[in-house]
Protein backbone atom coordinates (compact mmCIF):
# COMPACT_ATOMS: atom_id res chain seq x y z
CA UNK A 1 -39.94 117.87 -236.13
CA UNK A 2 -42.12 120.89 -235.58
CA UNK A 3 -39.23 123.37 -235.70
CA UNK A 4 -37.85 121.97 -238.92
CA UNK A 5 -41.26 122.09 -240.58
CA UNK A 6 -41.55 125.72 -239.60
CA UNK A 7 -38.25 126.50 -241.28
CA UNK A 8 -38.58 124.70 -244.59
CA UNK A 9 -42.22 125.41 -245.34
CA UNK A 10 -42.85 128.30 -247.71
CA UNK A 11 -45.27 131.10 -246.95
CA UNK A 12 -45.59 134.42 -245.25
CA UNK A 13 -47.20 133.32 -241.98
CA UNK A 14 -46.71 130.54 -239.46
CA UNK A 15 -49.46 128.14 -238.51
CA UNK A 16 -50.64 130.48 -235.73
CA UNK A 17 -50.95 133.44 -238.13
CA UNK A 18 -47.77 135.30 -237.10
CA UNK A 19 -45.63 136.84 -239.86
CA UNK A 20 -42.46 134.92 -240.78
CA UNK A 21 -39.13 135.80 -242.30
CA UNK A 22 -39.25 136.19 -246.07
CA UNK A 23 -37.48 133.69 -248.36
CA UNK A 24 -35.91 135.96 -250.98
CA UNK A 25 -32.13 135.33 -251.08
CA UNK A 26 -30.35 133.16 -253.67
CA UNK A 27 -26.76 131.91 -253.89
CA UNK A 28 -25.38 135.21 -255.22
CA UNK A 29 -26.98 137.17 -252.40
CA UNK A 30 -25.63 134.72 -249.81
CA UNK A 31 -22.08 134.98 -251.20
CA UNK A 32 -22.23 138.77 -251.33
CA UNK A 33 -23.52 138.77 -247.76
CA UNK A 34 -20.66 136.50 -246.67
CA UNK A 35 -18.04 138.56 -248.49
CA UNK A 36 -19.43 141.79 -247.11
CA UNK A 37 -19.44 140.79 -243.47
CA UNK A 38 -16.07 139.00 -243.71
CA UNK A 39 -14.11 141.63 -245.61
CA UNK A 40 -15.69 144.56 -243.81
CA UNK A 41 -15.07 142.83 -240.51
CA UNK A 42 -11.36 142.54 -240.84
CA UNK A 43 -8.94 143.56 -243.51
CA UNK A 44 -9.97 147.23 -243.75
CA UNK A 45 -9.54 147.59 -239.99
CA UNK A 46 -6.86 145.16 -238.78
CA UNK A 47 -4.28 144.57 -241.51
CA UNK A 48 -1.94 147.04 -239.82
CA UNK A 49 -2.08 145.24 -236.48
CA UNK A 50 -1.42 141.88 -238.16
CA UNK A 51 1.66 143.27 -239.93
CA UNK A 52 2.95 144.79 -236.69
CA UNK A 53 2.76 141.41 -234.95
CA UNK A 54 3.96 139.08 -237.73
CA UNK A 55 6.16 141.37 -239.85
CA UNK A 56 7.07 139.91 -243.24
CA UNK A 57 5.14 136.74 -242.39
CA UNK A 58 1.78 138.47 -241.97
CA UNK A 59 0.44 136.54 -245.00
CA UNK A 60 1.20 133.32 -243.08
CA UNK A 61 -0.99 134.49 -240.19
CA UNK A 62 -3.93 134.98 -242.57
CA UNK A 63 -3.29 131.62 -244.25
CA UNK A 64 -3.09 129.84 -240.89
CA UNK A 65 -6.41 131.37 -239.84
CA UNK A 66 -7.94 130.33 -243.18
CA UNK A 67 -6.84 126.73 -242.65
CA UNK A 68 -8.44 126.70 -239.22
CA UNK A 69 -11.59 128.16 -240.77
CA UNK A 70 -11.64 125.66 -243.66
CA UNK A 71 -12.34 122.65 -241.44
CA UNK A 72 -14.96 124.50 -239.44
CA UNK A 73 -16.51 125.78 -242.68
CA UNK A 74 -17.02 122.17 -243.76
CA UNK A 75 -18.72 121.46 -240.45
CA UNK A 76 -21.02 124.46 -240.87
CA UNK A 77 -21.85 123.39 -244.42
CA UNK A 78 -23.09 119.98 -243.27
CA UNK A 79 -24.93 121.30 -240.23
CA UNK A 80 -26.69 123.97 -242.30
CA UNK A 81 -28.17 121.08 -244.31
CA UNK A 82 -28.96 118.97 -241.27
CA UNK A 83 -30.56 121.74 -239.19
CA UNK A 84 -31.75 124.60 -241.46
CA UNK A 85 -32.72 127.08 -238.74
CA UNK A 86 -31.74 130.61 -237.76
CA UNK A 87 -29.44 130.97 -234.71
CA UNK A 88 -27.29 128.36 -236.45
CA UNK A 89 -24.52 127.71 -233.91
CA UNK A 90 -26.94 127.46 -230.99
CA UNK A 91 -29.34 125.08 -232.73
CA UNK A 92 -26.42 122.97 -234.00
CA UNK A 93 -25.20 122.48 -230.44
CA UNK A 94 -28.78 121.77 -229.37
CA UNK A 95 -29.07 119.09 -232.07
CA UNK A 96 -25.77 117.54 -231.05
CA UNK A 97 -26.03 117.55 -227.25
CA UNK A 98 -29.66 118.27 -226.27
CA UNK A 99 -28.45 120.28 -223.28
CA UNK A 100 -30.43 123.45 -222.74
CA UNK A 101 -27.77 125.20 -220.69
CA UNK A 102 -25.10 124.49 -223.31
CA UNK A 103 -27.34 125.72 -226.13
CA UNK A 104 -27.99 128.93 -224.21
CA UNK A 105 -24.27 129.39 -223.46
CA UNK A 106 -23.27 128.99 -227.10
CA UNK A 107 -26.11 131.15 -228.35
CA UNK A 108 -25.24 133.94 -225.94
CA UNK A 109 -21.55 133.63 -226.89
CA UNK A 110 -22.47 134.05 -230.57
CA UNK A 111 -24.73 137.00 -229.80
CA UNK A 112 -22.14 138.74 -227.64
CA UNK A 113 -19.39 138.02 -230.19
CA UNK A 114 -21.51 139.52 -232.95
CA UNK A 115 -22.13 142.68 -230.96
CA UNK A 116 -18.43 142.97 -230.10
CA UNK A 117 -17.50 142.44 -233.77
CA UNK A 118 -19.98 145.06 -234.97
CA UNK A 119 -18.64 147.46 -232.34
CA UNK A 120 -15.05 146.84 -233.47
CA UNK A 121 -15.94 147.54 -237.09
CA UNK A 122 -17.92 150.64 -236.15
CA UNK A 123 -14.82 151.98 -234.38
CA UNK A 124 -12.79 151.20 -237.50
CA UNK A 125 -15.38 152.88 -239.70
CA UNK A 126 -15.23 156.00 -237.53
CA UNK A 127 -11.46 156.08 -238.07
CA UNK A 128 -11.97 156.34 -241.82
CA UNK A 129 -14.82 158.85 -241.55
CA UNK A 130 -12.66 161.00 -239.27
CA UNK A 131 -10.21 161.38 -242.17
CA UNK A 132 -12.96 163.33 -243.97
CA UNK A 133 -15.20 164.81 -241.29
CA UNK A 134 -13.86 166.67 -238.27
CA UNK A 135 -16.29 165.48 -235.62
CA UNK A 136 -15.63 163.82 -232.25
CA UNK A 137 -14.99 160.08 -232.63
CA UNK A 138 -17.85 159.20 -230.26
CA UNK A 139 -20.34 161.17 -232.35
CA UNK A 140 -19.19 159.42 -235.52
CA UNK A 141 -19.45 155.98 -233.92
CA UNK A 142 -22.98 156.63 -232.69
CA UNK A 143 -24.11 157.98 -236.06
CA UNK A 144 -22.65 154.96 -237.91
CA UNK A 145 -24.26 152.37 -235.62
CA UNK A 146 -27.68 154.02 -235.70
CA UNK A 147 -27.68 154.51 -239.47
CA UNK A 148 -26.67 150.91 -240.11
CA UNK A 149 -29.31 149.69 -237.66
CA UNK A 150 -31.96 151.56 -239.65
CA UNK A 151 -30.85 149.78 -242.83
CA UNK A 152 -30.83 146.39 -241.06
CA UNK A 153 -34.39 146.98 -239.86
CA UNK A 154 -35.68 148.13 -243.26
CA UNK A 155 -36.19 144.71 -244.85
CA UNK A 156 -34.02 141.71 -245.64
CA UNK A 157 -34.11 142.03 -249.43
CA UNK A 158 -33.45 145.77 -249.29
CA UNK A 159 -30.68 145.54 -246.69
CA UNK A 160 -28.94 142.64 -248.44
CA UNK A 161 -29.18 144.50 -251.77
CA UNK A 162 -27.53 147.56 -250.22
CA UNK A 163 -24.93 145.38 -248.51
CA UNK A 164 -24.25 143.51 -251.77
CA UNK A 165 -23.63 146.75 -253.65
CA UNK A 166 -21.24 147.98 -250.97
CA UNK A 167 -19.51 144.58 -250.99
CA UNK A 168 -18.72 144.83 -254.70
CA UNK A 169 -17.29 148.31 -254.20
CA UNK A 170 -15.10 147.28 -251.25
CA UNK A 171 -13.73 144.25 -253.13
CA UNK A 172 -12.83 146.49 -256.07
CA UNK A 173 -10.97 148.81 -253.69
CA UNK A 174 -8.86 145.92 -252.39
CA UNK A 175 -8.19 144.62 -255.89
CA UNK A 176 -6.91 148.06 -256.92
CA UNK A 177 -4.41 148.00 -254.05
CA UNK A 178 -3.32 144.45 -254.91
CA UNK A 179 -2.92 145.33 -258.58
CA UNK A 180 -0.96 148.48 -257.74
CA UNK A 181 1.36 146.67 -255.37
CA UNK A 182 2.07 143.70 -257.61
CA UNK A 183 2.03 145.74 -260.82
CA UNK A 184 4.91 147.86 -259.57
CA UNK A 185 7.09 144.74 -259.32
CA UNK A 186 5.51 141.58 -260.80
CA UNK A 187 8.62 139.54 -260.03
CA UNK A 188 7.87 139.99 -256.32
CA UNK A 189 5.24 137.25 -256.58
CA UNK A 190 8.10 134.78 -256.51
CA UNK A 191 8.56 135.73 -252.85
CA UNK A 192 4.94 134.96 -251.91
CA UNK A 193 5.52 131.27 -251.00
CA UNK A 194 8.28 132.22 -248.55
CA UNK A 195 6.03 134.78 -246.85
CA UNK A 196 3.39 132.15 -246.06
CA UNK A 197 5.88 129.53 -244.81
CA UNK A 198 8.12 130.91 -242.03
CA UNK A 199 11.04 128.59 -241.20
CA UNK A 200 10.20 126.37 -238.25
CA UNK A 201 13.67 127.04 -236.84
CA UNK A 202 12.90 130.76 -236.46
CA UNK A 203 11.00 130.77 -233.19
CA UNK A 204 10.57 134.53 -233.30
CA UNK A 205 8.87 134.33 -236.69
CA UNK A 206 6.61 131.47 -235.59
CA UNK A 207 5.72 133.37 -232.44
CA UNK A 208 4.86 136.46 -234.45
CA UNK A 209 2.61 134.47 -236.78
CA UNK A 210 0.78 132.85 -233.86
CA UNK A 211 0.41 136.20 -232.11
CA UNK A 212 -1.00 137.73 -235.31
CA UNK A 213 -3.22 134.74 -236.08
CA UNK A 214 -5.79 135.64 -233.43
CA UNK A 215 -6.11 139.11 -234.96
CA UNK A 216 -6.13 137.60 -238.48
CA UNK A 217 -8.79 135.11 -237.39
CA UNK A 218 -11.10 138.03 -236.66
CA UNK A 219 -10.82 138.99 -240.33
CA UNK A 220 -12.36 135.64 -241.34
CA UNK A 221 -15.34 135.79 -239.06
CA UNK A 222 -18.31 136.08 -241.38
CA UNK A 223 -18.75 132.88 -243.34
CA UNK A 224 -20.53 131.45 -240.29
CA UNK A 225 -22.98 134.36 -240.36
CA UNK A 226 -24.37 133.04 -243.64
CA UNK A 227 -26.13 130.18 -241.86
CA UNK A 228 -28.26 132.64 -239.91
CA UNK A 229 -30.01 133.61 -243.14
CA UNK A 230 -31.20 130.03 -243.66
CA UNK A 231 -34.84 130.95 -243.05
CA UNK A 232 -34.59 133.68 -245.69
CA UNK A 233 -32.74 131.64 -248.33
CA UNK A 234 -34.76 130.29 -251.25
CA UNK A 235 -32.87 126.96 -251.44
CA UNK A 236 -31.05 126.65 -248.10
CA UNK A 237 -29.85 123.05 -248.30
CA UNK A 238 -28.41 123.57 -251.77
CA UNK A 239 -27.10 127.12 -251.56
CA UNK A 240 -25.69 127.51 -248.04
CA UNK A 241 -22.82 124.98 -248.36
CA UNK A 242 -21.79 126.53 -251.68
CA UNK A 243 -21.98 130.06 -250.27
CA UNK A 244 -19.81 129.12 -247.28
CA UNK A 245 -17.13 127.53 -249.46
CA UNK A 246 -17.04 130.26 -252.10
CA UNK A 247 -16.82 132.98 -249.47
CA UNK A 248 -13.90 131.36 -247.65
CA UNK A 249 -11.87 130.76 -250.81
CA UNK A 250 -12.31 134.30 -252.12
CA UNK A 251 -11.51 136.08 -248.86
CA UNK A 252 -8.42 133.93 -248.30
CA UNK A 253 -6.98 134.90 -251.69
CA UNK A 254 -7.69 138.58 -251.09
CA UNK A 255 -6.32 138.62 -247.54
CA UNK A 256 -3.06 136.83 -248.31
CA UNK A 257 -2.36 139.14 -251.26
CA UNK A 258 -3.25 142.31 -249.33
CA UNK A 259 -0.98 141.28 -246.46
CA UNK A 260 1.79 140.44 -248.93
CA UNK A 261 1.52 143.85 -250.58
CA UNK A 262 1.42 145.56 -247.18
CA UNK A 263 4.64 144.00 -245.86
CA UNK A 264 6.49 144.76 -249.10
CA UNK A 265 5.29 148.26 -249.88
CA UNK A 266 4.41 150.06 -246.65
CA UNK A 267 6.61 150.78 -243.60
CA UNK A 268 5.38 148.98 -240.51
CA UNK A 269 5.52 152.23 -238.54
CA UNK A 270 3.08 153.87 -240.96
CA UNK A 271 0.57 151.04 -240.57
CA UNK A 272 0.99 150.81 -236.81
CA UNK A 273 0.26 154.48 -236.26
CA UNK A 274 -2.84 154.69 -238.47
CA UNK A 275 -6.52 154.12 -237.71
CA UNK A 276 -7.08 153.86 -241.50
CA UNK A 277 -4.42 151.35 -242.69
CA UNK A 278 -5.91 150.70 -246.13
CA UNK A 279 -5.81 154.43 -246.89
CA UNK A 280 -2.12 154.47 -245.92
CA UNK A 281 -1.46 151.59 -248.32
CA UNK A 282 -3.34 153.27 -251.15
CA UNK A 283 -1.46 156.54 -250.78
CA UNK A 284 1.90 154.79 -250.48
CA UNK A 285 1.34 152.60 -253.55
CA UNK A 286 -0.31 155.09 -255.91
CA UNK A 287 0.98 158.46 -254.73
CA UNK A 288 -2.61 159.74 -254.96
CA UNK A 289 -4.66 161.38 -252.26
CA UNK A 290 -6.62 158.63 -250.52
CA UNK A 291 -10.07 160.23 -250.85
CA UNK A 292 -11.51 157.50 -253.09
CA UNK A 293 -10.13 154.60 -251.07
CA UNK A 294 -11.28 156.34 -247.89
CA UNK A 295 -14.81 156.41 -249.26
CA UNK A 296 -14.55 152.75 -250.24
CA UNK A 297 -13.19 151.85 -246.80
CA UNK A 298 -16.07 153.71 -245.19
CA UNK A 299 -18.51 151.67 -247.29
CA UNK A 300 -16.66 148.46 -246.43
CA UNK A 301 -16.64 149.00 -242.70
CA UNK A 302 -20.20 150.29 -242.57
CA UNK A 303 -21.21 147.28 -244.64
CA UNK A 304 -19.64 145.05 -242.01
CA UNK A 305 -21.66 146.75 -239.31
CA UNK A 306 -25.01 146.42 -241.07
CA UNK A 307 -24.48 142.79 -242.02
CA UNK A 308 -23.47 141.77 -238.50
CA UNK A 309 -26.47 143.62 -237.10
CA UNK A 310 -28.66 141.61 -239.48
CA UNK A 311 -27.05 138.37 -238.33
CA UNK A 312 -27.09 139.14 -234.61
CA UNK A 313 -30.76 140.10 -234.71
CA UNK A 314 -31.55 136.76 -236.33
CA UNK A 315 -29.56 134.89 -233.69
CA UNK A 316 -31.62 136.58 -230.97
CA UNK A 317 -34.80 135.94 -232.98
CA UNK A 318 -33.95 132.25 -233.49
CA UNK A 319 -33.10 131.71 -229.83
CA UNK A 320 -36.33 133.39 -228.78
CA UNK A 321 -38.30 131.15 -231.15
CA UNK A 322 -36.68 128.15 -229.45
CA UNK A 323 -37.56 129.55 -226.00
CA UNK A 324 -33.92 130.25 -225.10
CA UNK A 325 -34.50 134.02 -224.86
CA UNK A 326 -37.63 136.04 -223.98
CA UNK A 327 -40.37 135.30 -226.54
CA UNK A 328 -40.96 138.98 -227.39
CA UNK A 329 -37.56 139.00 -229.14
CA UNK A 330 -38.90 136.39 -231.57
CA UNK A 331 -41.59 138.65 -233.03
CA UNK A 332 -41.37 139.63 -236.71
CA UNK A 333 -42.62 143.06 -237.77
CA UNK A 334 -45.61 142.80 -240.10
CA UNK A 335 -44.45 145.93 -241.93
CA UNK A 336 -40.75 145.16 -242.51
CA UNK A 337 -40.86 141.35 -242.10
CA UNK A 338 -37.68 141.63 -240.01
CA UNK A 339 -37.10 140.87 -236.29
CA UNK A 340 -37.41 144.53 -235.34
CA UNK A 341 -37.34 144.13 -231.56
CA UNK A 342 -34.24 141.96 -231.69
CA UNK A 343 -32.58 144.52 -233.97
CA UNK A 344 -33.21 147.33 -231.49
CA UNK A 345 -31.79 145.35 -228.55
CA UNK A 346 -28.69 144.28 -230.50
CA UNK A 347 -28.10 147.85 -231.66
CA UNK A 348 -28.11 149.10 -228.07
CA UNK A 349 -25.47 146.55 -227.09
CA UNK A 350 -23.27 147.39 -230.09
CA UNK A 351 -23.48 151.10 -229.38
CA UNK A 352 -22.41 150.67 -225.76
CA UNK A 353 -19.45 148.45 -226.67
CA UNK A 354 -18.29 150.68 -229.53
CA UNK A 355 -18.29 153.80 -227.39
CA UNK A 356 -16.42 152.41 -224.40
CA UNK A 357 -14.08 149.56 -225.49
CA UNK A 358 -10.68 149.77 -227.30
CA UNK A 359 -10.46 148.28 -230.82
CA UNK A 360 -7.68 145.73 -230.18
CA UNK A 361 -9.49 144.35 -227.13
CA UNK A 362 -12.73 144.08 -229.12
CA UNK A 363 -10.99 142.12 -231.90
CA UNK A 364 -9.13 139.71 -229.63
CA UNK A 365 -12.19 139.06 -227.46
CA UNK A 366 -14.28 138.36 -230.55
CA UNK A 367 -11.74 135.87 -231.90
CA UNK A 368 -11.43 134.00 -228.61
CA UNK A 369 -15.22 133.75 -228.22
CA UNK A 370 -15.69 132.47 -231.75
CA UNK A 371 -12.94 129.86 -231.41
CA UNK A 372 -14.84 128.48 -228.42
CA UNK A 373 -18.11 128.51 -230.37
CA UNK A 374 -16.53 126.85 -233.41
CA UNK A 375 -14.99 124.19 -231.14
CA UNK A 376 -18.45 123.37 -229.74
CA UNK A 377 -20.05 123.30 -233.19
CA UNK A 378 -17.42 120.84 -234.43
CA UNK A 379 -18.02 118.67 -231.36
CA UNK A 380 -21.77 118.75 -232.09
CA UNK A 381 -21.26 117.33 -235.58
CA UNK A 382 -18.81 114.73 -234.24
CA UNK A 383 -21.45 113.55 -231.77
CA UNK A 384 -24.20 113.45 -234.39
CA UNK A 385 -21.98 111.23 -236.54
CA UNK A 386 -20.89 109.02 -233.64
CA UNK A 387 -24.43 108.31 -232.44
CA UNK A 388 -25.54 107.73 -236.03
CA UNK A 389 -28.13 110.49 -236.42
CA UNK A 390 -29.00 110.31 -240.13
CA UNK A 391 -28.80 113.54 -242.14
CA UNK A 392 -31.72 114.56 -244.37
CA UNK A 393 -31.82 113.01 -247.83
CA UNK A 394 -29.63 114.78 -250.44
CA UNK A 395 -27.98 116.98 -247.80
CA UNK A 396 -24.35 118.10 -247.86
CA UNK A 397 -21.95 115.82 -245.93
CA UNK A 398 -18.30 115.85 -244.87
CA UNK A 399 -16.14 112.99 -243.53
CA UNK A 400 -15.53 112.65 -239.79
CA UNK A 401 -11.97 113.98 -240.14
CA UNK A 402 -13.35 117.44 -240.97
CA UNK A 403 -15.06 118.23 -237.63
CA UNK A 404 -12.26 116.46 -235.73
CA UNK A 405 -9.62 118.61 -237.45
CA UNK A 406 -11.84 121.65 -236.95
CA UNK A 407 -12.10 121.09 -233.20
CA UNK A 408 -8.37 120.41 -232.80
CA UNK A 409 -7.33 123.41 -234.90
CA UNK A 410 -9.55 125.76 -232.89
CA UNK A 411 -7.97 124.58 -229.65
CA UNK A 412 -4.50 124.78 -231.18
CA UNK A 413 -4.90 128.32 -232.47
CA UNK A 414 -6.40 129.61 -229.24
CA UNK A 415 -3.83 127.83 -227.09
CA UNK A 416 -0.88 128.88 -229.24
CA UNK A 417 -1.94 132.52 -229.26
CA UNK A 418 -2.49 132.41 -225.48
CA UNK A 419 0.97 130.92 -224.83
CA UNK A 420 2.65 133.56 -227.00
CA UNK A 421 0.74 136.37 -225.31
CA UNK A 422 1.36 135.14 -221.76
């Protein structure tokens, strides 16, 4: 196929002389990218809301969302080997169904979801910055979005290096909170299994977990963004499946433990009333002023913004290259070797959403949109397997039960959360 040849062939220019994306990211960079967008996208912003909804069973909400993600992660891992192209979700659906309108619908859903997610994180970042700088929230949001857009446009190796550094710092911040919470009472770990398994007879607890799961699901959005760097990965068929799996395992462990510490150590009222929940946890657990953790949270949330801007620009770029969006969005800057035009357009959308939409609505809308997209991606792999489309030689594969369970779990989570909320 012409499109596949374009993706997997090395070089700096396409056959018509246009500059191409630069292959410069290995497995470590992909994992750091996945951790950065996932962690920055959720736990620093929404842990308080999850605890408010699920109470002592907040860890169960994160675990449930991780289980839903695990099946879909397997689907993404195989499809990233089958179809190694940017705009992953859209081209996966194209490969599975060959329906232009459906490809465009899924691609636009991913693009809109990414902009909503970046906007939500920018609002969260402004909440942490406001703890240190007394400026109007709207000014802080605009400054954060524009600064992160400049980093995203700089160059893929430079922006991923910056994002990777911020990722390591934000993970350390969460580990300090986990260590402080568990270190104060190590015997409390014996209660962890009960917190992730609410009794089925307690309908109120189950309802709370389902209500919180849609918020918790938002905190896992990110592993799927890794596939949009496929045209900039050095060994995409080998490294992308590993990066997806490693990212999901690590964030699940961190999220469940953070939620467990939160429900044991911090009053729900304190978390519910704060726009900087991780800072509240740090102060409550250590007794120290939360300046350091505030700075780390600012890095984490800003990191989430820049990484999602990188991903969203590549979705728009990939769709333009496949003639699903205007072709001028598919141009790569000769100077930065990034899709500069797509980055500018995405930034404008993020800025508008961040300035005018409430945080909880942004998070819930993002989760619902991505559950739909994940459902369609699972169906695409099911169809490829049913019609017998052979995968490339030595590519990653999963059994049929994985995409089937992925599709069913997406529908179940979305339907359960809708029933509880209605």
